[in-house]
PDB file of all heavy atoms in Angstrom:
ATOM      1  N   GLY A   1       0.776  -1.211  -0.009  1.00  0.00           N
ATOM      2  CA  GLY A   1      -0.028   0.022   0.005  1.00  0.00           C
ATOM      3  C   GLY A   1       0.842   1.311  -0.038  1.00  0.00           C
ATOM      4  O   GLY A   1       0.572   2.175   0.687  1.00  0.00           O
ATOM      5  N   ALA A   2       1.806   1.313  -0.774  1.00  0.00           N
ATOM      6  CA  ALA A   2       2.705   2.559  -0.919  1.00  0.00           C
ATOM      7  C   ALA A   2       1.869   3.738  -1.431  1.00  0.00           C
ATOM      8  O   ALA A   2       1.788   4.769  -0.876  1.00  0.00           O
ATOM      9  CB  ALA A   2       3.923   2.252  -1.767  1.00  0.00           C
ATOM     10  N   LEU A   3       1.229   3.624  -2.634  1.00  0.00           N
ATOM     11  CA  LEU A   3       0.409   4.682  -3.297  1.00  0.00           C
ATOM     12  C   LEU A   3      -1.009   4.591  -2.756  1.00  0.00           C
ATOM     13  O   LEU A   3      -1.669   5.578  -2.801  1.00  0.00           O
ATOM     14  CB  LEU A   3       0.580   4.541  -4.746  1.00  0.00           C
ATOM     15  CG  LEU A   3       1.822   5.092  -5.374  1.00  0.00           C
ATOM     16  CD1 LEU A   3       1.978   4.513  -6.843  1.00  0.00           C
ATOM     17  CD2 LEU A   3       1.854   6.630  -5.368  1.00  0.00           C
ATOM     18  N   ASP A   4      -1.355   3.440  -2.235  1.00  0.00           N
ATOM     19  CA  ASP A   4      -2.628   3.293  -1.728  1.00  0.00           C
ATOM     20  C   ASP A   4      -2.775   2.802  -0.333  1.00  0.00           C
ATOM     21  O   ASP A   4      -2.931   1.609  -0.078  1.00  0.00           O
ATOM     22  CB  ASP A   4      -3.476   2.341  -2.629  1.00  0.00           C
ATOM     23  CG  ASP A   4      -4.927   2.230  -2.332  1.00  0.00           C
ATOM     24  OD1 ASP A   4      -5.461   3.229  -1.745  1.00  0.00           O
ATOM     25  OD2 ASP A   4      -5.532   1.202  -2.632  1.00  0.00           O
ATOM     26  N   ASN A   5      -2.515   3.628   0.700  1.00  0.00           N
ATOM     27  CA  ASN A   5      -2.425   5.021   0.589  1.00  0.00           C
ATOM     28  C   ASN A   5      -1.270   5.576   1.474  1.00  0.00           C
ATOM     29  O   ASN A   5      -1.482   6.522   2.221  1.00  0.00           O
ATOM     30  CB  ASN A   5      -3.729   5.752   0.890  1.00  0.00           C
ATOM     31  CG  ASN A   5      -3.796   7.193   0.660  1.00  0.00           C
ATOM     32  OD1 ASN A   5      -2.986   7.685  -0.252  1.00  0.00           O
ATOM     33  ND2 ASN A   5      -4.523   7.838   1.443  1.00  0.00           N
ATOM     34  N   GLY A   6      -0.145   4.891   1.499  1.00  0.00           N
ATOM     35  CA  GLY A   6       1.015   5.327   2.363  1.00  0.00           C
ATOM     36  C   GLY A   6       1.388   6.734   2.009  1.00  0.00           C
ATOM     37  O   GLY A   6       1.670   7.474   2.923  1.00  0.00           O
ATOM     38  N   THR A   7       1.367   7.109   0.822  1.00  0.00           N
ATOM     39  CA  THR A   7       1.823   8.450   0.416  1.00  0.00           C
ATOM     40  C   THR A   7       0.910   9.509   0.920  1.00  0.00           C
ATOM     41  O   THR A   7       1.292  10.614   1.186  1.00  0.00           O
ATOM     42  CB  THR A   7       2.050   8.567  -1.084  1.00  0.00           C
ATOM     43  OG1 THR A   7       0.850   8.138  -1.805  1.00  0.00           O
ATOM     44  CG2 THR A   7       3.300   7.819  -1.606  1.00  0.00           C
ATOM     45  N   GLY A   8      -0.364   9.219   0.987  1.00  0.00           N
ATOM     46  CA  GLY A   8      -1.364  10.081   1.607  1.00  0.00           C
ATOM     47  C   GLY A   8      -1.037  10.341   2.996  1.00  0.00           C
ATOM     48  O   GLY A   8      -1.027  11.600   3.497  1.00  0.00           O
ATOM     49  N   ILE A   9      -0.869   9.287   3.776  1.00  0.00           N
ATOM     50  CA  ILE A   9      -0.406   9.513   5.177  1.00  0.00           C
ATOM     51  C   ILE A   9       0.900  10.210   5.354  1.00  0.00           C
ATOM     52  O   ILE A   9       1.059  11.057   6.218  1.00  0.00           O
ATOM     53  CB  ILE A   9      -0.462   8.016   5.840  1.00  0.00           C
ATOM     54  CG1 ILE A   9      -1.829   7.467   5.895  1.00  0.00           C
ATOM     55  CG2 ILE A   9       0.182   8.153   7.300  1.00  0.00           C
ATOM     56  CD1 ILE A   9      -2.864   8.326   6.742  1.00  0.00           C
ATOM     57  N   VAL A  10       1.882   9.838   4.446  1.00  0.00           N
ATOM     58  CA  VAL A  10       3.169  10.598   4.578  1.00  0.00           C
ATOM     59  C   VAL A  10       3.016  12.085   4.344  1.00  0.00           C
ATOM     60  O   VAL A  10       3.627  12.891   4.989  1.00  0.00           O
ATOM     61  CB  VAL A  10       4.157   9.902   3.553  1.00  0.00           C
ATOM     62  CG1 VAL A  10       5.456  10.770   3.552  1.00  0.00           C
ATOM     63  CG2 VAL A  10       4.558   8.567   4.003  1.00  0.00           C
ATOM     64  N   THR A  11       2.133  12.415   3.375  1.00  0.00           N
ATOM     65  CA  THR A  11       1.891  13.900   3.136  1.00  0.00           C
ATOM     66  C   THR A  11       1.409  14.536   4.334  1.00  0.00           C
ATOM     67  O   THR A  11       1.833  15.607   4.701  1.00  0.00           O
ATOM     68  CB  THR A  11       0.936  13.924   1.917  1.00  0.00           C
ATOM     69  OG1 THR A  11       1.362  13.303   0.800  1.00  0.00           O
ATOM     70  CG2 THR A  11       0.623  15.470   1.589  1.00  0.00           C
ATOM     71  N   LEU A  12       0.392  13.914   5.044  1.00  0.00           N
ATOM     72  CA  LEU A  12      -0.057  14.517   6.252  1.00  0.00           C
ATOM     73  C   LEU A  12       0.982  14.594   7.417  1.00  0.00           C
ATOM     74  O   LEU A  12       1.030  15.558   8.156  1.00  0.00           O
ATOM     75  CB  LEU A  12      -1.239  13.662   6.858  1.00  0.00           C
ATOM     76  CG  LEU A  12      -2.513  13.527   5.915  1.00  0.00           C
ATOM     77  CD1 LEU A  12      -3.545  12.721   6.503  1.00  0.00           C
ATOM     78  CD2 LEU A  12      -3.051  14.864   5.561  1.00  0.00           C
ATOM     79  N   LEU A  13       1.808  13.550   7.461  1.00  0.00           N
ATOM     80  CA  LEU A  13       2.903  13.575   8.471  1.00  0.00           C
ATOM     81  C   LEU A  13       3.896  14.748   8.217  1.00  0.00           C
ATOM     82  O   LEU A  13       4.320  15.445   9.090  1.00  0.00           O
ATOM     83  CB  LEU A  13       3.642  12.287   8.511  1.00  0.00           C
ATOM     84  CG  LEU A  13       2.788  11.118   9.025  1.00  0.00           C
ATOM     85  CD1 LEU A  13       3.579   9.837   8.902  1.00  0.00           C
ATOM     86  CD2 LEU A  13       2.393  11.298  10.505  1.00  0.00           C
ATOM     87  N   LEU A  14       4.179  14.980   6.872  1.00  0.00           N
ATOM     88  CA  LEU A  14       5.127  16.050   6.522  1.00  0.00           C
ATOM     89  C   LEU A  14       4.479  17.399   6.787  1.00  0.00           C
ATOM     90  O   LEU A  14       5.118  18.328   7.293  1.00  0.00           O
ATOM     91  CB  LEU A  14       5.485  15.911   5.123  1.00  0.00           C
ATOM     92  CG  LEU A  14       6.347  14.728   4.598  1.00  0.00           C
ATOM     93  CD1 LEU A  14       6.505  14.696   3.153  1.00  0.00           C
ATOM     94  CD2 LEU A  14       7.676  14.669   5.357  1.00  0.00           C
ATOM     95  N   LEU A  15       3.138  17.465   6.446  1.00  0.00           N
ATOM     96  CA  LEU A  15       2.442  18.739   6.814  1.00  0.00           C
ATOM     97  C   LEU A  15       2.450  18.986   8.233  1.00  0.00           C
ATOM     98  O   LEU A  15       2.576  20.222   8.646  1.00  0.00           O
ATOM     99  CB  LEU A  15       1.009  18.606   6.326  1.00  0.00           C
ATOM    100  CG  LEU A  15       0.142  19.807   6.491  1.00  0.00           C
ATOM    101  CD1 LEU A  15       0.585  21.031   5.806  1.00  0.00           C
ATOM    102  CD2 LEU A  15      -1.343  19.472   6.074  1.00  0.00           C
ATOM    103  N   ALA A  16       2.305  18.049   9.085  1.00  0.00           N
ATOM    104  CA  ALA A  16       2.439  18.266  10.606  1.00  0.00           C
ATOM    105  C   ALA A  16       3.799  18.846  10.906  1.00  0.00           C
ATOM    106  O   ALA A  16       3.894  19.740  11.815  1.00  0.00           O
ATOM    107  CB  ALA A  16       2.127  16.957  11.343  1.00  0.00           C
ATOM    108  N   GLU A  17       4.859  18.356  10.309  1.00  0.00           N
ATOM    109  CA  GLU A  17       6.146  18.939  10.484  1.00  0.00           C
ATOM    110  C   GLU A  17       6.126  20.372  10.184  1.00  0.00           C
ATOM    111  O   GLU A  17       6.777  21.208  11.010  1.00  0.00           O
ATOM    112  CB  GLU A  17       7.178  18.116   9.749  1.00  0.00           C
ATOM    113  CG  GLU A  17       7.486  16.622  10.116  1.00  0.00           C
ATOM    114  CD  GLU A  17       8.467  16.597  11.283  1.00  0.00           C
ATOM    115  OE1 GLU A  17       8.998  17.576  11.619  1.00  0.00           O
ATOM    116  OE2 GLU A  17       8.666  15.416  11.634  1.00  0.00           O
ATOM    117  N   LEU A  18       5.528  20.692   9.103  1.00  0.00           N
ATOM    118  CA  LEU A  18       5.617  22.092   8.579  1.00  0.00           C
ATOM    119  C   LEU A  18       4.660  23.038   9.506  1.00  0.00           C
ATOM    120  O   LEU A  18       4.908  24.173   9.558  1.00  0.00           O
ATOM    121  CB  LEU A  18       5.096  22.110   7.201  1.00  0.00           C
ATOM    122  CG  LEU A  18       6.028  21.502   6.211  1.00  0.00           C
ATOM    123  CD1 LEU A  18       5.303  21.323   4.843  1.00  0.00           C
ATOM    124  CD2 LEU A  18       7.345  22.296   6.058  1.00  0.00           C
ATOM    125  N   LEU A  19       3.754  22.371  10.216  1.00  0.00           N
ATOM    126  CA  LEU A  19       2.886  23.281  11.050  1.00  0.00           C
ATOM    127  C   LEU A  19       3.184  23.176  12.493  1.00  0.00           C
ATOM    128  O   LEU A  19       2.365  23.555  13.324  1.00  0.00           O
ATOM    129  CB  LEU A  19       1.413  22.543  10.861  1.00  0.00           C
ATOM    130  CG  LEU A  19       0.699  22.847   9.518  1.00  0.00           C
ATOM    131  CD1 LEU A  19      -0.576  22.028   9.365  1.00  0.00           C
ATOM    132  CD2 LEU A  19       0.367  24.321   9.317  1.00  0.00           C
ATOM    133  N   LYS A  20       4.365  22.808  12.756  1.00  0.00           N
ATOM    134  CA  LYS A  20       4.844  22.769  14.216  1.00  0.00           C
ATOM    135  C   LYS A  20       4.626  24.169  14.914  1.00  0.00           C
ATOM    136  O   LYS A  20       4.291  24.232  16.103  1.00  0.00           O
ATOM    137  CB  LYS A  20       6.337  22.319  14.317  1.00  0.00           C
ATOM    138  CG  LYS A  20       6.479  20.851  14.315  1.00  0.00           C
ATOM    139  CD  LYS A  20       7.969  20.519  14.482  1.00  0.00           C
ATOM    140  CE  LYS A  20       8.240  19.079  14.547  1.00  0.00           C
ATOM    141  NZ  LYS A  20       9.673  18.651  14.703  1.00  0.00           N
ATOM    142  N   GLY A  21       4.887  25.152  14.166  1.00  0.00           N
ATOM    143  CA  GLY A  21       4.708  26.526  14.715  1.00  0.00           C
ATOM    144  C   GLY A  21       3.383  27.233  14.448  1.00  0.00           C
ATOM    145  O   GLY A  21       3.179  28.430  14.867  1.00  0.00           O
ATOM    146  N   TYR A  22       2.468  26.454  13.986  1.00  0.00           N
ATOM    147  CA  TYR A  22       1.117  27.050  13.668  1.00  0.00           C
ATOM    148  C   TYR A  22       0.399  27.486  14.994  1.00  0.00           C
ATOM    149  O   TYR A  22       0.308  26.792  15.943  1.00  0.00           O
ATOM    150  CB  TYR A  22       0.205  26.066  13.017  1.00  0.00           C
ATOM    151  CG  TYR A  22      -1.122  26.567  12.633  1.00  0.00           C
ATOM    152  CD1 TYR A  22      -1.406  27.472  11.642  1.00  0.00           C
ATOM    153  CD2 TYR A  22      -2.227  26.133  13.380  1.00  0.00           C
ATOM    154  CE1 TYR A  22      -2.659  28.024  11.393  1.00  0.00           C
ATOM    155  CE2 TYR A  22      -3.516  26.680  13.230  1.00  0.00           C
ATOM    156  CZ  TYR A  22      -3.758  27.688  12.129  1.00  0.00           C
ATOM    157  OH  TYR A  22      -4.946  28.103  11.935  1.00  0.00           O
ATOM    158  N   ALA A  23      -0.074  28.796  15.036  1.00  0.00           N
ATOM    159  CA  ALA A  23      -0.842  29.329  16.160  1.00  0.00           C
ATOM    160  C   ALA A  23      -2.008  30.024  15.802  1.00  0.00           C
ATOM    161  O   ALA A  23      -2.411  31.047  16.436  1.00  0.00           O
ATOM    162  CB  ALA A  23       0.079  30.156  17.008  1.00  0.00           C
ATOM    163  N   GLY A  24      -2.576  29.785  14.560  1.00  0.00           N
ATOM    164  CA  GLY A  24      -3.752  30.594  14.073  1.00  0.00           C
ATOM    165  C   GLY A  24      -5.068  30.166  14.780  1.00  0.00           C
ATOM    166  O   GLY A  24      -5.138  29.224  15.552  1.00  0.00           O
ATOM    167  N   ASP A  25      -6.073  30.947  14.526  1.00  0.00           N
ATOM    168  CA  ASP A  25      -7.359  30.645  15.216  1.00  0.00           C
ATOM    169  C   ASP A  25      -8.165  29.487  14.474  1.00  0.00           C
ATOM    170  O   ASP A  25      -8.736  28.723  15.160  1.00  0.00           O
ATOM    171  CB  ASP A  25      -8.301  31.914  15.146  1.00  0.00           C
ATOM    172  CG  ASP A  25      -7.883  33.029  16.045  1.00  0.00           C
ATOM    173  OD1 ASP A  25      -7.096  32.638  17.089  1.00  0.00           O
ATOM    174  OD2 ASP A  25      -8.162  34.178  15.866  1.00  0.00           O
ATOM    175  N   ARG A  26      -8.032  29.549  13.232  1.00  0.00           N
ATOM    176  CA  ARG A  26      -8.704  28.465  12.453  1.00  0.00           C
ATOM    177  C   ARG A  26      -8.224  27.135  12.873  1.00  0.00           C
ATOM    178  O   ARG A  26      -6.986  26.914  12.975  1.00  0.00           O
ATOM    179  CB  ARG A  26      -8.567  28.532  10.933  1.00  0.00           C
ATOM    180  CG  ARG A  26      -9.489  27.679  10.150  1.00  0.00           C
ATOM    181  CD  ARG A  26      -9.149  27.736   8.635  1.00  0.00           C
ATOM    182  NE  ARG A  26      -9.305  29.135   8.158  1.00  0.00           N
ATOM    183  CZ  ARG A  26     -10.469  29.695   7.630  1.00  0.00           C
ATOM    184  NH1 ARG A  26     -11.520  28.937   7.734  1.00  0.00           N
ATOM    185  NH2 ARG A  26     -10.438  30.860   7.260  1.00  0.00           N
ATOM    186  N   THR A  27      -9.140  26.163  13.137  1.00  0.00           N
ATOM    187  CA  THR A  27      -8.732  24.758  13.577  1.00  0.00           C
ATOM    188  C   THR A  27      -8.208  24.049  12.289  1.00  0.00           C
ATOM    189  O   THR A  27      -8.953  24.035  11.240  1.00  0.00           O
ATOM    190  CB  THR A  27      -9.934  24.064  14.230  1.00  0.00           C
ATOM    191  OG1 THR A  27     -10.235  24.684  15.433  1.00  0.00           O
ATOM    192  CG2 THR A  27      -9.550  22.645  14.501  1.00  0.00           C
ATOM    193  N   ILE A  28      -7.128  23.395  12.359  1.00  0.00           N
ATOM    194  CA  ILE A  28      -6.584  22.539  11.381  1.00  0.00           C
ATOM    195  C   ILE A  28      -6.715  21.041  11.909  1.00  0.00           C
ATOM    196  O   ILE A  28      -6.135  20.818  12.940  1.00  0.00           O
ATOM    197  CB  ILE A  28      -5.235  22.831  10.906  1.00  0.00           C
ATOM    198  CG1 ILE A  28      -5.104  24.210  10.247  1.00  0.00           C
ATOM    199  CG2 ILE A  28      -4.627  21.788  10.040  1.00  0.00           C
ATOM    200  CD1 ILE A  28      -3.642  24.654   9.893  1.00  0.00           C
TER     201      ILE A  28
END
């Protein structure tokens, strides 16, 4: 399940790395 759907989960994990400093009002 690399493309179905390991890469989808990896994208979310990378996004979490990028959002470490997020402090906005809108809930993500």
